[in-house]
Amino acid sequence: MFAKKIKTTIGSDRRIILYVPDIPLGEVEIIIIGEQRQDIQHDEILTQLPRRKLGKISGTLRREEFYTDAR
């Protein structure tokens, strides 16, 4: 068994042409690995975010309430 790694780009015609003169004749198996990208419309971005209802906001928080050395 042998392995050969070839990196290429798929063009607009969606074709890949391989020329491999150093591989012996016979049956081979080709595996295509790529990163899956999703094209999300800008109006669908907010629908993709998880929604959580945590209750009412009782007031605002100041920096002094978080850090004791901020006074």
PDB file of N, CA and C in Angstrom:
ATOM      1  N   MET A   1       0.847  -1.173   0.000  1.00  0.00           N
ATOM      2  CA  MET A   1       0.000   0.000   0.000  1.00  0.00           C
ATOM      3  C   MET A   1       0.896   1.241   0.000  1.00  0.00           C
ATOM      4  N   PHE A   2       0.444   2.296  -0.630  1.00  0.00           N
ATOM      5  CA  PHE A   2       1.191   3.546  -0.692  1.00  0.00           C
ATOM      6  C   PHE A   2       0.213   4.698  -0.492  1.00  0.00           C
ATOM      7  N   ALA A   3       0.751   5.851  -0.217  1.00  0.00           N
ATOM      8  CA  ALA A   3      -0.076   7.051  -0.045  1.00  0.00           C
ATOM      9  C   ALA A   3       0.607   8.207  -0.751  1.00  0.00           C
ATOM     10  N   LYS A   4      -0.177   9.065  -1.342  1.00  0.00           N
ATOM     11  CA  LYS A   4       0.343  10.247  -2.028  1.00  0.00           C
ATOM     12  C   LYS A   4      -0.562  11.405  -1.680  1.00  0.00           C
ATOM     13  N   LYS A   5       0.038  12.507  -1.257  1.00  0.00           N
ATOM     14  CA  LYS A   5      -0.730  13.699  -0.902  1.00  0.00           C
ATOM     15  C   LYS A   5      -0.548  14.742  -2.001  1.00  0.00           C
ATOM     16  N   ILE A   6      -1.670  15.188  -2.551  1.00  0.00           N
ATOM     17  CA  ILE A   6      -1.668  16.204  -3.594  1.00  0.00           C
ATOM     18  C   ILE A   6      -2.599  17.313  -3.139  1.00  0.00           C
ATOM     19  N   LYS A   7      -2.115  18.540  -3.160  1.00  0.00           N
ATOM     20  CA  LYS A   7      -2.931  19.670  -2.753  1.00  0.00           C
ATOM     21  C   LYS A   7      -3.271  20.477  -4.001  1.00  0.00           C
ATOM     22  N   THR A   8      -4.561  20.775  -4.177  1.00  0.00           N
ATOM     23  CA  THR A   8      -5.006  21.513  -5.352  1.00  0.00           C
ATOM     24  C   THR A   8      -6.189  22.386  -4.993  1.00  0.00           C
ATOM     25  N   THR A   9      -6.624  23.195  -5.925  1.00  0.00           N
ATOM     26  CA  THR A   9      -7.779  24.059  -5.745  1.00  0.00           C
ATOM     27  C   THR A   9      -8.830  23.677  -6.770  1.00  0.00           C
ATOM     28  N   ILE A  10     -10.067  23.590  -6.330  1.00  0.00           N
ATOM     29  CA  ILE A  10     -11.166  23.292  -7.234  1.00  0.00           C
ATOM     30  C   ILE A  10     -11.621  24.604  -7.845  1.00  0.00           C
ATOM     31  N   GLY A  11     -11.645  24.656  -9.158  1.00  0.00           N
ATOM     32  CA  GLY A  11     -12.018  25.878  -9.863  1.00  0.00           C
ATOM     33  C   GLY A  11     -13.513  26.001 -10.059  1.00  0.00           C
ATOM     34  N   SER A  12     -13.890  26.982 -10.851  1.00  0.00           N
ATOM     35  CA  SER A  12     -15.317  27.240 -11.069  1.00  0.00           C
ATOM     36  C   SER A  12     -15.990  26.135 -11.876  1.00  0.00           C
ATOM     37  N   ASP A  13     -15.212  25.352 -12.622  1.00  0.00           N
ATOM     38  CA  ASP A  13     -15.801  24.244 -13.387  1.00  0.00           C
ATOM     39  C   ASP A  13     -15.969  22.981 -12.548  1.00  0.00           C
ATOM     40  N   ARG A  14     -15.503  23.010 -11.288  1.00  0.00           N
ATOM     41  CA  ARG A  14     -15.647  21.906 -10.335  1.00  0.00           C
ATOM     42  C   ARG A  14     -14.964  20.621 -10.806  1.00  0.00           C
ATOM     43  N   ARG A  15     -13.798  20.749 -11.433  1.00  0.00           N
ATOM     44  CA  ARG A  15     -13.071  19.581 -11.926  1.00  0.00           C
ATOM     45  C   ARG A  15     -11.661  19.544 -11.361  1.00  0.00           C
ATOM     46  N   ILE A  16     -11.177  18.340 -11.171  1.00  0.00           N
ATOM     47  CA  ILE A  16      -9.790  18.095 -10.784  1.00  0.00           C
ATOM     48  C   ILE A  16      -9.206  17.125 -11.806  1.00  0.00           C
ATOM     49  N   ILE A  17      -8.085  17.483 -12.396  1.00  0.00           N
ATOM     50  CA  ILE A  17      -7.395  16.604 -13.338  1.00  0.00           C
ATOM     51  C   ILE A  17      -6.082  16.193 -12.690  1.00  0.00           C
ATOM     52  N   LEU A  18      -5.889  14.893 -12.533  1.00  0.00           N
ATOM     53  CA  LEU A  18      -4.701  14.366 -11.872  1.00  0.00           C
ATOM     54  C   LEU A  18      -3.787  13.693 -12.887  1.00  0.00           C
ATOM     55  N   TYR A  19      -2.516  14.010 -12.793  1.00  0.00           N
ATOM     56  CA  TYR A  19      -1.490  13.332 -13.580  1.00  0.00           C
ATOM     57  C   TYR A  19      -0.461  12.821 -12.585  1.00  0.00           C
ATOM     58  N   VAL A  20      -0.418  11.508 -12.396  1.00  0.00           N
ATOM     59  CA  VAL A  20       0.476  10.907 -11.406  1.00  0.00           C
ATOM     60  C   VAL A  20       1.307   9.813 -12.074  1.00  0.00           C
ATOM     61  N   PRO A  21       2.405  10.190 -12.700  1.00  0.00           N
ATOM     62  CA  PRO A  21       3.210   9.193 -13.424  1.00  0.00           C
ATOM     63  C   PRO A  21       3.981   8.247 -12.508  1.00  0.00           C
ATOM     64  N   ASP A  22       4.153   8.595 -11.236  1.00  0.00           N
ATOM     65  CA  ASP A  22       4.947   7.748 -10.345  1.00  0.00           C
ATOM     66  C   ASP A  22       4.107   6.740  -9.569  1.00  0.00           C
ATOM     67  N   ILE A  23       2.825   6.635  -9.852  1.00  0.00           N
ATOM     68  CA  ILE A  23       1.955   5.659  -9.191  1.00  0.00           C
ATOM     69  C   ILE A  23       1.740   4.488 -10.154  1.00  0.00           C
ATOM     70  N   PRO A  24       1.881   3.257  -9.659  1.00  0.00           N
ATOM     71  CA  PRO A  24       1.713   2.096 -10.550  1.00  0.00           C
ATOM     72  C   PRO A  24       0.263   1.932 -11.012  1.00  0.00           C
ATOM     73  N   LEU A  25       0.094   1.227 -12.107  1.00  0.00           N
ATOM     74  CA  LEU A  25      -1.235   0.977 -12.656  1.00  0.00           C
ATOM     75  C   LEU A  25      -2.052   0.117 -11.706  1.00  0.00           C
ATOM     76  N   GLY A  26      -3.339   0.292 -11.734  1.00  0.00           N
ATOM     77  CA  GLY A  26      -4.221  -0.504 -10.891  1.00  0.00           C
ATOM     78  C   GLY A  26      -5.283   0.372 -10.246  1.00  0.00           C
ATOM     79  N   GLU A  27      -6.086  -0.270  -9.461  1.00  0.00           N
ATOM     80  CA  GLU A  27      -7.195   0.423  -8.811  1.00  0.00           C
ATOM     81  C   GLU A  27      -6.696   1.239  -7.632  1.00  0.00           C
ATOM     82  N   VAL A  28      -7.202   2.474  -7.514  1.00  0.00           N
ATOM     83  CA  VAL A  28      -6.852   3.354  -6.404  1.00  0.00           C
ATOM     84  C   VAL A  28      -8.125   3.906  -5.794  1.00  0.00           C
ATOM     85  N   GLU A  29      -7.993   4.422  -4.602  1.00  0.00           N
ATOM     86  CA  GLU A  29      -9.109   5.054  -3.914  1.00  0.00           C
ATOM     87  C   GLU A  29      -8.713   6.495  -3.636  1.00  0.00           C
ATOM     88  N   ILE A  30      -9.570   7.431  -3.982  1.00  0.00           N
ATOM     89  CA  ILE A  30      -9.286   8.853  -3.803  1.00  0.00           C
ATOM     90  C   ILE A  30     -10.202   9.391  -2.714  1.00  0.00           C
ATOM     91  N   ILE A  31      -9.605  10.031  -1.727  1.00  0.00           N
ATOM     92  CA  ILE A  31     -10.351  10.644  -0.633  1.00  0.00           C
ATOM     93  C   ILE A  31     -10.130  12.147  -0.705  1.00  0.00           C
ATOM     94  N   ILE A  32     -11.206  12.901  -0.723  1.00  0.00           N
ATOM     95  CA  ILE A  32     -11.123  14.358  -0.773  1.00  0.00           C
ATOM     96  C   ILE A  32     -11.463  14.897   0.608  1.00  0.00           C
ATOM     97  N   ILE A  33     -10.532  15.675   1.166  1.00  0.00           N
ATOM     98  CA  ILE A  33     -10.725  16.265   2.486  1.00  0.00           C
ATOM     99  C   ILE A  33     -10.677  17.778   2.322  1.00  0.00           C
ATOM    100  N   GLY A  34     -11.696  18.437   2.790  1.00  0.00           N
ATOM    101  CA  GLY A  34     -11.740  19.894   2.703  1.00  0.00           C
ATOM    102  C   GLY A  34     -12.495  20.471   3.869  1.00  0.00           C
ATOM    103  N   GLU A  35     -12.340  21.746   4.056  1.00  0.00           N
ATOM    104  CA  GLU A  35     -13.038  22.422   5.135  1.00  0.00           C
ATOM    105  C   GLU A  35     -14.401  22.862   4.635  1.00  0.00           C
ATOM    106  N   GLN A  36     -15.418  22.515   5.392  1.00  0.00           N
ATOM    107  CA  GLN A  36     -16.777  22.861   4.995  1.00  0.00           C
ATOM    108  C   GLN A  36     -17.074  24.296   5.417  1.00  0.00           C
ATOM    109  N   ARG A  37     -17.535  25.089   4.477  1.00  0.00           N
ATOM    110  CA  ARG A  37     -17.885  26.476   4.761  1.00  0.00           C
ATOM    111  C   ARG A  37     -19.372  26.666   4.520  1.00  0.00           C
ATOM    112  N   GLN A  38     -19.974  27.452   5.380  1.00  0.00           N
ATOM    113  CA  GLN A  38     -21.384  27.770   5.210  1.00  0.00           C
ATOM    114  C   GLN A  38     -21.502  29.242   4.866  1.00  0.00           C
ATOM    115  N   ASP A  39     -22.251  29.527   3.842  1.00  0.00           N
ATOM    116  CA  ASP A  39     -22.511  30.913   3.487  1.00  0.00           C
ATOM    117  C   ASP A  39     -23.790  31.336   4.186  1.00  0.00           C
ATOM    118  N   ILE A  40     -23.642  32.195   5.183  1.00  0.00           N
ATOM    119  CA  ILE A  40     -24.783  32.663   5.967  1.00  0.00           C
ATOM    120  C   ILE A  40     -25.123  34.078   5.527  1.00  0.00           C
ATOM    121  N   GLN A  41     -26.374  34.296   5.228  1.00  0.00           N
ATOM    122  CA  GLN A  41     -26.827  35.635   4.865  1.00  0.00           C
ATOM    123  C   GLN A  41     -26.785  36.522   6.100  1.00  0.00           C
ATOM    124  N   HIS A  42     -26.572  37.816   5.888  1.00  0.00           N
ATOM    125  CA  HIS A  42     -26.433  38.718   7.024  1.00  0.00           C
ATOM    126  C   HIS A  42     -27.713  38.829   7.847  1.00  0.00           C
ATOM    127  N   ASP A  43     -28.862  38.595   7.261  1.00  0.00           N
ATOM    128  CA  ASP A  43     -30.102  38.650   8.041  1.00  0.00           C
ATOM    129  C   ASP A  43     -30.359  37.354   8.815  1.00  0.00           C
ATOM    130  N   GLU A  44     -29.602  36.290   8.525  1.00  0.00           N
ATOM    131  CA  GLU A  44     -29.756  35.025   9.230  1.00  0.00           C
ATOM    132  C   GLU A  44     -28.776  34.875  10.396  1.00  0.00           C
ATOM    133  N   ILE A  45     -27.847  35.799  10.560  1.00  0.00           N
ATOM    134  CA  ILE A  45     -26.830  35.669  11.599  1.00  0.00           C
ATOM    135  C   ILE A  45     -27.474  35.687  12.983  1.00  0.00           C
ATOM    136  N   LEU A  46     -28.412  36.580  13.210  1.00  0.00           N
ATOM    137  CA  LEU A  46     -29.047  36.657  14.520  1.00  0.00           C
ATOM    138  C   LEU A  46     -29.876  35.421  14.843  1.00  0.00           C
ATOM    139  N   THR A  47     -30.411  34.758  13.834  1.00  0.00           N
ATOM    140  CA  THR A  47     -31.182  33.551  14.098  1.00  0.00           C
ATOM    141  C   THR A  47     -30.278  32.374  14.472  1.00  0.00           C
ATOM    142  N   GLN A  48     -28.980  32.446  14.160  1.00  0.00           N
ATOM    143  CA  GLN A  48     -28.038  31.388  14.489  1.00  0.00           C
ATOM    144  C   GLN A  48     -27.554  31.465  15.934  1.00  0.00           C
ATOM    145  N   LEU A  49     -27.689  32.634  16.579  1.00  0.00           N
ATOM    146  CA  LEU A  49     -27.215  32.798  17.942  1.00  0.00           C
ATOM    147  C   LEU A  49     -28.169  32.126  18.929  1.00  0.00           C
ATOM    148  N   PRO A  50     -27.622  31.471  19.950  1.00  0.00           N
ATOM    149  CA  PRO A  50     -28.504  30.861  20.954  1.00  0.00           C
ATOM    150  C   PRO A  50     -29.200  31.938  21.777  1.00  0.00           C
ATOM    151  N   ARG A  51     -30.424  31.680  22.171  1.00  0.00           N
ATOM    152  CA  ARG A  51     -31.195  32.631  22.957  1.00  0.00           C
ATOM    153  C   ARG A  51     -31.397  32.074  24.356  1.00  0.00           C
ATOM    154  N   ARG A  52     -31.177  32.921  25.329  1.00  0.00           N
ATOM    155  CA  ARG A  52     -31.373  32.552  26.725  1.00  0.00           C
ATOM    156  C   ARG A  52     -32.149  33.673  27.394  1.00  0.00           C
ATOM    157  N   LYS A  53     -33.119  33.305  28.176  1.00  0.00           N
ATOM    158  CA  LYS A  53     -33.862  34.286  28.944  1.00  0.00           C
ATOM    159  C   LYS A  53     -33.446  34.123  30.397  1.00  0.00           C
ATOM    160  N   LEU A  54     -32.748  35.125  30.892  1.00  0.00           N
ATOM    161  CA  LEU A  54     -32.186  35.027  32.227  1.00  0.00           C
ATOM    162  C   LEU A  54     -32.947  35.864  33.246  1.00  0.00           C
ATOM    163  N   GLY A  55     -34.004  36.503  32.862  1.00  0.00           N
ATOM    164  CA  GLY A  55     -34.775  37.301  33.802  1.00  0.00           C
ATOM    165  C   GLY A  55     -34.655  38.784  33.516  1.00  0.00           C
ATOM    166  N   LYS A  56     -35.211  39.568  34.397  1.00  0.00           N
ATOM    167  CA  LYS A  56     -35.205  41.013  34.225  1.00  0.00           C
ATOM    168  C   LYS A  56     -33.877  41.607  34.688  1.00  0.00           C
ATOM    169  N   ILE A  57     -33.508  42.711  34.068  1.00  0.00           N
ATOM    170  CA  ILE A  57     -32.316  43.444  34.482  1.00  0.00           C
ATOM    171  C   ILE A  57     -32.735  44.397  35.591  1.00  0.00           C
ATOM    172  N   SER A  58     -32.134  44.229  36.753  1.00  0.00           N
ATOM    173  CA  SER A  58     -32.567  45.022  37.913  1.00  0.00           C
ATOM    174  C   SER A  58     -31.885  46.385  37.959  1.00  0.00           C
ATOM    175  N   GLY A  59     -30.790  46.557  37.293  1.00  0.00           N
ATOM    176  CA  GLY A  59     -30.094  47.841  37.305  1.00  0.00           C
ATOM    177  C   GLY A  59     -28.768  47.733  36.599  1.00  0.00           C
ATOM    178  N   THR A  60     -27.960  48.763  36.688  1.00  0.00           N
ATOM    179  CA  THR A  60     -26.655  48.753  36.033  1.00  0.00           C
ATOM    180  C   THR A  60     -25.576  48.414  37.043  1.00  0.00           C
ATOM    181  N   LEU A  61     -24.467  47.937  36.556  1.00  0.00           N
ATOM    182  CA  LEU A  61     -23.321  47.628  37.399  1.00  0.00           C
ATOM    183  C   LEU A  61     -22.197  48.599  37.064  1.00  0.00           C
ATOM    184  N   ARG A  62     -21.519  49.048  38.104  1.00  0.00           N
ATOM    185  CA  ARG A  62     -20.395  49.943  37.910  1.00  0.00           C
ATOM    186  C   ARG A  62     -19.104  49.160  38.082  1.00  0.00           C
ATOM    187  N   ARG A  63     -18.015  49.714  37.584  1.00  0.00           N
ATOM    188  CA  ARG A  63     -16.717  49.067  37.674  1.00  0.00           C
ATOM    189  C   ARG A  63     -16.310  48.865  39.130  1.00  0.00           C
ATOM    190  N   GLU A  64     -16.672  49.776  39.973  1.00  0.00           N
ATOM    191  CA  GLU A  64     -16.317  49.687  41.390  1.00  0.00           C
ATOM    192  C   GLU A  64     -16.963  48.471  42.057  1.00  0.00           C
ATOM    193  N   GLU A  65     -18.055  48.003  41.534  1.00  0.00           N
ATOM    194  CA  GLU A  65     -18.723  46.838  42.100  1.00  0.00           C
ATOM    195  C   GLU A  65     -17.991  45.541  41.749  1.00  0.00           C
ATOM    196  N   PHE A  66     -17.204  45.547  40.681  1.00  0.00           N
ATOM    197  CA  PHE A  66     -16.439  44.369  40.279  1.00  0.00           C
ATOM    198  C   PHE A  66     -15.058  44.325  40.919  1.00  0.00           C
ATOM    199  N   TYR A  67     -14.387  45.472  40.918  1.00  0.00           N
ATOM    200  CA  TYR A  67     -13.005  45.519  41.374  1.00  0.00           C
ATOM    201  C   TYR A  67     -12.920  46.313  42.669  1.00  0.00           C
ATOM    202  N   THR A  68     -12.280  45.741  43.662  1.00  0.00           N
ATOM    203  CA  THR A  68     -12.149  46.444  44.944  1.00  0.00           C
ATOM    204  C   THR A  68     -11.066  47.516  44.898  1.00  0.00           C
ATOM    205  N   ASP A  69     -10.087  47.385  43.985  1.00  0.00           N
ATOM    206  CA  ASP A  69      -9.018  48.362  43.915  1.00  0.00           C
ATOM    207  C   ASP A  69      -9.341  49.536  42.982  1.00  0.00           C
ATOM    208  N   ALA A  70     -10.548  49.631  42.468  1.00  0.00           N
ATOM    209  CA  ALA A  70     -10.909  50.689  41.528  1.00  0.00           C
ATOM    210  C   ALA A  70     -11.339  51.978  42.235  1.00  0.00           C
ATOM    211  N   ARG A  71     -11.405  51.996  43.540  1.00  0.00           N
ATOM    212  CA  ARG A  71     -11.856  53.188  44.267  1.00  0.00           C
ATOM    213  C   ARG A  71     -10.788  54.184  44.480  1.00  0.00           C
TER     214      ARG A  71
END
